[in-house]
């Protein structure tokens, strides 16, 4: 599955942390961490201590698939 990053996508700067927390903050749903991971070419939800800029795509519409194994 490809995540489309549209014109309304946001960029945030983070230093460490994890995608579960970021998804909870950005979408109100920690289970959407994989949407952020795919948009940024990441497989691991845990970020290192470096400063990273992440693309935050729009929240998937209800009923739009967002689950599955990344990279499978």
PDB file of N, CA and C in Angstrom:
ATOM      1  N   UNK A   1       0.838  -1.162   0.000  1.00  0.00           N
ATOM      2  CA  UNK A   1       0.000   0.000   0.000  1.00  0.00           C
ATOM      3  C   UNK A   1       0.890   1.234   0.000  1.00  0.00           C
ATOM      4  N   UNK A   2       0.522   2.238  -0.776  1.00  0.00           N
ATOM      5  CA  UNK A   2       1.246   3.495  -0.825  1.00  0.00           C
ATOM      6  C   UNK A   2       0.426   4.558  -0.112  1.00  0.00           C
ATOM      7  N   UNK A   3       1.070   5.317   0.714  1.00  0.00           N
ATOM      8  CA  UNK A   3       0.417   6.423   1.397  1.00  0.00           C
ATOM      9  C   UNK A   3       0.636   7.666   0.555  1.00  0.00           C
ATOM     10  N   UNK A   4      -0.440   8.315   0.165  1.00  0.00           N
ATOM     11  CA  UNK A   4      -0.357   9.545  -0.597  1.00  0.00           C
ATOM     12  C   UNK A   4      -0.145  10.707   0.374  1.00  0.00           C
ATOM     13  N   UNK A   5       0.864  11.489   0.106  1.00  0.00           N
ATOM     14  CA  UNK A   5       1.130  12.658   0.933  1.00  0.00           C
ATOM     15  C   UNK A   5       0.703  13.869   0.128  1.00  0.00           C
ATOM     16  N   UNK A   6      -0.429  14.440   0.509  1.00  0.00           N
ATOM     17  CA  UNK A   6      -1.002  15.553  -0.235  1.00  0.00           C
ATOM     18  C   UNK A   6      -0.465  16.904   0.195  1.00  0.00           C
ATOM     19  N   UNK A   7      -1.053  17.922  -0.366  1.00  0.00           N
ATOM     20  CA  UNK A   7      -0.631  19.295  -0.094  1.00  0.00           C
ATOM     21  C   UNK A   7      -0.882  19.712   1.342  1.00  0.00           C
ATOM     22  N   UNK A   8      -1.793  19.046   2.024  1.00  0.00           N
ATOM     23  CA  UNK A   8      -2.111  19.425   3.397  1.00  0.00           C
ATOM     24  C   UNK A   8      -1.275  18.675   4.429  1.00  0.00           C
ATOM     25  N   UNK A   9      -0.337  17.849   3.981  1.00  0.00           N
ATOM     26  CA  UNK A   9       0.538  17.145   4.923  1.00  0.00           C
ATOM     27  C   UNK A   9       1.354  18.172   5.699  1.00  0.00           C
ATOM     28  N   UNK A  10       1.645  17.824   6.933  1.00  0.00           N
ATOM     29  CA  UNK A  10       2.440  18.700   7.790  1.00  0.00           C
ATOM     30  C   UNK A  10       3.820  18.090   7.981  1.00  0.00           C
ATOM     31  N   UNK A  11       4.744  18.907   8.418  1.00  0.00           N
ATOM     32  CA  UNK A  11       6.073  18.439   8.791  1.00  0.00           C
ATOM     33  C   UNK A  11       6.318  18.839  10.233  1.00  0.00           C
ATOM     34  N   UNK A  12       6.862  17.898  10.983  1.00  0.00           N
ATOM     35  CA  UNK A  12       7.205  18.193  12.371  1.00  0.00           C
ATOM     36  C   UNK A  12       8.651  17.781  12.609  1.00  0.00           C
ATOM     37  N   UNK A  13       9.275  18.406  13.573  1.00  0.00           N
ATOM     38  CA  UNK A  13      10.642  18.067  13.953  1.00  0.00           C
ATOM     39  C   UNK A  13      10.597  17.391  15.313  1.00  0.00           C
ATOM     40  N   UNK A  14      11.255  16.243  15.398  1.00  0.00           N
ATOM     41  CA  UNK A  14      11.276  15.490  16.646  1.00  0.00           C
ATOM     42  C   UNK A  14      12.709  15.102  16.975  1.00  0.00           C
ATOM     43  N   UNK A  15      12.957  14.847  18.228  1.00  0.00           N
ATOM     44  CA  UNK A  15      14.251  14.358  18.682  1.00  0.00           C
ATOM     45  C   UNK A  15      13.991  13.131  19.536  1.00  0.00           C
ATOM     46  N   UNK A  16      14.115  11.960  18.918  1.00  0.00           N
ATOM     47  CA  UNK A  16      13.832  10.729  19.633  1.00  0.00           C
ATOM     48  C   UNK A  16      12.340  10.518  19.795  1.00  0.00           C
ATOM     49  N   UNK A  17      11.988   9.604  20.680  1.00  0.00           N
ATOM     50  CA  UNK A  17      10.583   9.292  20.910  1.00  0.00           C
ATOM     51  C   UNK A  17      10.142   8.089  20.095  1.00  0.00           C
ATOM     52  N   UNK A  18       8.835   8.024  19.867  1.00  0.00           N
ATOM     53  CA  UNK A  18       8.335   6.909  19.085  1.00  0.00           C
ATOM     54  C   UNK A  18       7.101   7.334  18.285  1.00  0.00           C
ATOM     55  N   UNK A  19       6.810   6.584  17.252  1.00  0.00           N
ATOM     56  CA  UNK A  19       5.709   6.918  16.354  1.00  0.00           C
ATOM     57  C   UNK A  19       4.346   6.680  16.990  1.00  0.00           C
ATOM     58  N   UNK A  20       4.271   5.843  18.033  1.00  0.00           N
ATOM     59  CA  UNK A  20       3.004   5.632  18.733  1.00  0.00           C
ATOM     60  C   UNK A  20       2.542   6.949  19.370  1.00  0.00           C
ATOM     61  N   UNK A  21       3.469   7.606  20.073  1.00  0.00           N
ATOM     62  CA  UNK A  21       3.153   8.877  20.726  1.00  0.00           C
ATOM     63  C   UNK A  21       2.827   9.962  19.702  1.00  0.00           C
ATOM     64  N   UNK A  22       3.581   9.993  18.614  1.00  0.00           N
ATOM     65  CA  UNK A  22       3.355  11.004  17.588  1.00  0.00           C
ATOM     66  C   UNK A  22       1.990  10.811  16.937  1.00  0.00           C
ATOM     67  N   UNK A  23       1.630   9.565  16.630  1.00  0.00           N
ATOM     68  CA  UNK A  23       0.316   9.291  16.035  1.00  0.00           C
ATOM     69  C   UNK A  23      -0.804   9.658  17.007  1.00  0.00           C
ATOM     70  N   UNK A  24      -0.603   9.376  18.284  1.00  0.00           N
ATOM     71  CA  UNK A  24      -1.618   9.724  19.281  1.00  0.00           C
ATOM     72  C   UNK A  24      -1.800  11.238  19.349  1.00  0.00           C
ATOM     73  N   UNK A  25      -0.705  11.971  19.283  1.00  0.00           N
ATOM     74  CA  UNK A  25      -0.768  13.433  19.337  1.00  0.00           C
ATOM     75  C   UNK A  25      -1.371  14.014  18.066  1.00  0.00           C
ATOM     76  N   UNK A  26      -0.927  13.525  16.912  1.00  0.00           N
ATOM     77  CA  UNK A  26      -1.333  14.099  15.636  1.00  0.00           C
ATOM     78  C   UNK A  26      -2.720  13.659  15.181  1.00  0.00           C
ATOM     79  N   UNK A  27      -3.068  12.396  15.455  1.00  0.00           N
ATOM     80  CA  UNK A  27      -4.327  11.829  14.962  1.00  0.00           C
ATOM     81  C   UNK A  27      -5.327  11.482  16.057  1.00  0.00           C
ATOM     82  N   UNK A  28      -4.860  11.458  17.307  1.00  0.00           N
ATOM     83  CA  UNK A  28      -5.733  11.009  18.387  1.00  0.00           C
ATOM     84  C   UNK A  28      -5.894   9.500  18.401  1.00  0.00           C
ATOM     85  N   UNK A  29      -4.969   8.778  17.744  1.00  0.00           N
ATOM     86  CA  UNK A  29      -5.055   7.319  17.633  1.00  0.00           C
ATOM     87  C   UNK A  29      -3.654   6.753  17.454  1.00  0.00           C
ATOM     88  N   UNK A  30      -3.117   6.144  18.503  1.00  0.00           N
ATOM     89  CA  UNK A  30      -1.753   5.613  18.438  1.00  0.00           C
ATOM     90  C   UNK A  30      -1.594   4.472  17.429  1.00  0.00           C
ATOM     91  N   UNK A  31      -2.689   3.814  17.072  1.00  0.00           N
ATOM     92  CA  UNK A  31      -2.588   2.679  16.144  1.00  0.00           C
ATOM     93  C   UNK A  31      -2.291   3.127  14.711  1.00  0.00           C
ATOM     94  N   UNK A  32      -2.355   4.409  14.441  1.00  0.00           N
ATOM     95  CA  UNK A  32      -2.061   4.916  13.100  1.00  0.00           C
ATOM     96  C   UNK A  32      -0.582   5.247  12.907  1.00  0.00           C
ATOM     97  N   UNK A  33       0.277   4.748  13.794  1.00  0.00           N
ATOM     98  CA  UNK A  33       1.704   5.014  13.689  1.00  0.00           C
ATOM     99  C   UNK A  33       2.261   4.563  12.355  1.00  0.00           C
ATOM    100  N   UNK A  34       1.694   3.486  11.790  1.00  0.00           N
ATOM    101  CA  UNK A  34       2.219   2.945  10.533  1.00  0.00           C
ATOM    102  C   UNK A  34       1.970   3.871   9.348  1.00  0.00           C
ATOM    103  N   UNK A  35       0.972   4.738   9.427  1.00  0.00           N
ATOM    104  CA  UNK A  35       0.728   5.719   8.363  1.00  0.00           C
ATOM    105  C   UNK A  35       1.903   6.696   8.311  1.00  0.00           C
ATOM    106  N   UNK A  36       2.342   7.136   9.473  1.00  0.00           N
ATOM    107  CA  UNK A  36       3.488   8.041   9.550  1.00  0.00           C
ATOM    108  C   UNK A  36       4.755   7.314   9.117  1.00  0.00           C
ATOM    109  N   UNK A  37       4.907   6.080   9.549  1.00  0.00           N
ATOM    110  CA  UNK A  37       6.092   5.303   9.181  1.00  0.00           C
ATOM    111  C   UNK A  37       6.205   5.148   7.671  1.00  0.00           C
ATOM    112  N   UNK A  38       5.132   4.766   7.016  1.00  0.00           N
ATOM    113  CA  UNK A  38       5.165   4.581   5.558  1.00  0.00           C
ATOM    114  C   UNK A  38       5.480   5.878   4.826  1.00  0.00           C
ATOM    115  N   UNK A  39       4.911   6.979   5.288  1.00  0.00           N
ATOM    116  CA  UNK A  39       5.125   8.271   4.634  1.00  0.00           C
ATOM    117  C   UNK A  39       6.577   8.725   4.745  1.00  0.00           C
ATOM    118  N   UNK A  40       7.291   8.176   5.729  1.00  0.00           N
ATOM    119  CA  UNK A  40       8.671   8.582   5.968  1.00  0.00           C
ATOM    120  C   UNK A  40       9.681   7.482   5.678  1.00  0.00           C
ATOM    121  N   UNK A  41       9.227   6.381   5.114  1.00  0.00           N
ATOM    122  CA  UNK A  41      10.134   5.282   4.786  1.00  0.00           C
ATOM    123  C   UNK A  41      10.736   4.612   6.003  1.00  0.00           C
ATOM    124  N   UNK A  42       9.979   4.568   7.095  1.00  0.00           N
ATOM    125  CA  UNK A  42      10.461   3.962   8.338  1.00  0.00           C
ATOM    126  C   UNK A  42       9.790   2.615   8.573  1.00  0.00           C
ATOM    127  N   UNK A  43      10.495   1.730   9.260  1.00  0.00           N
ATOM    128  CA  UNK A  43       9.923   0.440   9.640  1.00  0.00           C
ATOM    129  C   UNK A  43       9.842   0.289  11.148  1.00  0.00           C
ATOM    130  N   UNK A  44      10.706   1.002  11.849  1.00  0.00           N
ATOM    131  CA  UNK A  44      10.786   0.894  13.304  1.00  0.00           C
ATOM    132  C   UNK A  44      10.040   2.062  13.937  1.00  0.00           C
ATOM    133  N   UNK A  45       9.102   1.804  14.833  1.00  0.00           N
ATOM    134  CA  UNK A  45       8.351   2.898  15.456  1.00  0.00           C
ATOM    135  C   UNK A  45       9.165   3.685  16.488  1.00  0.00           C
ATOM    136  N   UNK A  46      10.327   3.175  16.865  1.00  0.00           N
ATOM    137  CA  UNK A  46      11.141   3.860  17.862  1.00  0.00           C
ATOM    138  C   UNK A  46      12.218   4.680  17.162  1.00  0.00           C
ATOM    139  N   UNK A  47      12.249   5.970  17.466  1.00  0.00           N
ATOM    140  CA  UNK A  47      13.187   6.891  16.828  1.00  0.00           C
ATOM    141  C   UNK A  47      14.433   7.033  17.696  1.00  0.00           C
ATOM    142  N   UNK A  48      15.570   7.207  17.041  1.00  0.00           N
ATOM    143  CA  UNK A  48      16.816   7.393  17.783  1.00  0.00           C
ATOM    144  C   UNK A  48      16.864   8.810  18.335  1.00  0.00           C
ATOM    145  N   UNK A  49      17.897   9.144  19.056  1.00  0.00           N
ATOM    146  CA  UNK A  49      18.030  10.451  19.678  1.00  0.00           C
ATOM    147  C   UNK A  49      18.343  11.581  18.719  1.00  0.00           C
ATOM    148  N   UNK A  50      18.484  11.284  17.431  1.00  0.00           N
ATOM    149  CA  UNK A  50      18.791  12.343  16.481  1.00  0.00           C
ATOM    150  C   UNK A  50      17.552  13.179  16.201  1.00  0.00           C
ATOM    151  N   UNK A  51      17.764  14.352  15.665  1.00  0.00           N
ATOM    152  CA  UNK A  51      16.644  15.213  15.288  1.00  0.00           C
ATOM    153  C   UNK A  51      16.188  14.807  13.892  1.00  0.00           C
ATOM    154  N   UNK A  52      14.911  14.530  13.766  1.00  0.00           N
ATOM    155  CA  UNK A  52      14.328  14.102  12.505  1.00  0.00           C
ATOM    156  C   UNK A  52      13.174  15.007  12.135  1.00  0.00           C
ATOM    157  N   UNK A  53      13.022  15.237  10.838  1.00  0.00           N
ATOM    158  CA  UNK A  53      11.827  15.920  10.350  1.00  0.00           C
ATOM    159  C   UNK A  53      10.934  14.842   9.760  1.00  0.00           C
ATOM    160  N   UNK A  54       9.699  14.777  10.237  1.00  0.00           N
ATOM    161  CA  UNK A  54       8.757  13.766   9.774  1.00  0.00           C
ATOM    162  C   UNK A  54       7.616  14.417   9.004  1.00  0.00           C
ATOM    163  N   UNK A  55       7.195  13.736   7.957  1.00  0.00           N
ATOM    164  CA  UNK A  55       5.997  14.137   7.226  1.00  0.00           C
ATOM    165  C   UNK A  55       4.819  13.487   7.924  1.00  0.00           C
ATOM    166  N   UNK A  56       3.789  14.283   8.202  1.00  0.00           N
ATOM    167  CA  UNK A  56       2.571  13.775   8.831  1.00  0.00           C
ATOM    168  C   UNK A  56       1.454  13.907   7.802  1.00  0.00           C
ATOM    169  N   UNK A  57       1.119  12.798   7.113  1.00  0.00           N
ATOM    170  CA  UNK A  57       0.038  12.870   6.125  1.00  0.00           C
ATOM    171  C   UNK A  57      -1.312  13.076   6.808  1.00  0.00           C
ATOM    172  N   UNK A  58      -2.296  13.422   6.011  1.00  0.00           N
ATOM    173  CA  UNK A  58      -3.652  13.558   6.553  1.00  0.00           C
ATOM    174  C   UNK A  58      -4.068  12.247   7.206  1.00  0.00           C
ATOM    175  N   UNK A  59      -4.920  12.363   8.211  1.00  0.00           N
ATOM    176  CA  UNK A  59      -5.449  11.177   8.878  1.00  0.00           C
ATOM    177  C   UNK A  59      -6.272  10.387   7.866  1.00  0.00           C
ATOM    178  N   UNK A  60      -6.058   9.057   7.796  1.00  0.00           N
ATOM    179  CA  UNK A  60      -6.842   8.245   6.861  1.00  0.00           C
ATOM    180  C   UNK A  60      -8.337   8.354   7.157  1.00  0.00           C
ATOM    181  N   UNK A  61      -9.126   8.368   6.106  1.00  0.00           N
ATOM    182  CA  UNK A  61     -10.580   8.414   6.258  1.00  0.00           C
ATOM    183  C   UNK A  61     -11.058   7.111   6.889  1.00  0.00           C
ATOM    184  N   UNK A  62     -12.162   7.181   7.612  1.00  0.00           N
ATOM    185  CA  UNK A  62     -12.727   5.954   8.194  1.00  0.00           C
ATOM    186  C   UNK A  62     -12.968   4.943   7.086  1.00  0.00           C
ATOM    187  N   UNK A  63     -12.598   3.708   7.347  1.00  0.00           N
ATOM    188  CA  UNK A  63     -12.791   2.650   6.378  1.00  0.00           C
ATOM    189  C   UNK A  63     -11.622   2.478   5.430  1.00  0.00           C
ATOM    190  N   UNK A  64     -10.714   3.462   5.376  1.00  0.00           N
ATOM    191  CA  UNK A  64      -9.532   3.335   4.534  1.00  0.00           C
ATOM    192  C   UNK A  64      -8.548   2.414   5.237  1.00  0.00           C
ATOM    193  N   UNK A  65      -8.025   1.420   4.536  1.00  0.00           N
ATOM    194  CA  UNK A  65      -7.118   0.488   5.199  1.00  0.00           C
ATOM    195  C   UNK A  65      -5.846   1.197   5.636  1.00  0.00           C
ATOM    196  N   UNK A  66      -5.368   0.848   6.826  1.00  0.00           N
ATOM    197  CA  UNK A  66      -4.133   1.423   7.316  1.00  0.00           C
ATOM    198  C   UNK A  66      -3.293   0.431   8.093  1.00  0.00           C
ATOM    199  N   UNK A  67      -3.753  -0.801   8.164  1.00  0.00           N
ATOM    200  CA  UNK A  67      -3.034  -1.784   8.953  1.00  0.00           C
ATOM    201  C   UNK A  67      -2.235  -2.701   8.048  1.00  0.00           C
ATOM    202  N   UNK A  68      -1.463  -3.542   8.680  1.00  0.00           N
ATOM    203  CA  UNK A  68      -0.644  -4.485   7.933  1.00  0.00           C
ATOM    204  C   UNK A  68       0.793  -4.372   8.343  1.00  0.00           C
ATOM    205  N   UNK A  69       1.582  -5.266   7.841  1.00  0.00           N
ATOM    206  CA  UNK A  69       3.006  -5.302   8.172  1.00  0.00           C
ATOM    207  C   UNK A  69       3.732  -4.405   7.192  1.00  0.00           C
ATOM    208  N   UNK A  70       4.513  -3.484   7.717  1.00  0.00           N
ATOM    209  CA  UNK A  70       5.261  -2.580   6.862  1.00  0.00           C
ATOM    210  C   UNK A  70       6.386  -3.353   6.182  1.00  0.00           C
ATOM    211  N   UNK A  71       6.523  -3.182   4.902  1.00  0.00           N
ATOM    212  CA  UNK A  71       7.580  -3.822   4.141  1.00  0.00           C
ATOM    213  C   UNK A  71       7.283  -5.243   3.718  1.00  0.00           C
ATOM    214  N   UNK A  72       6.114  -5.751   4.042  1.00  0.00           N
ATOM    215  CA  UNK A  72       5.778  -7.128   3.661  1.00  0.00           C
ATOM    216  C   UNK A  72       5.249  -7.178   2.255  1.00  0.00           C
TER     217      UNK A  72
END
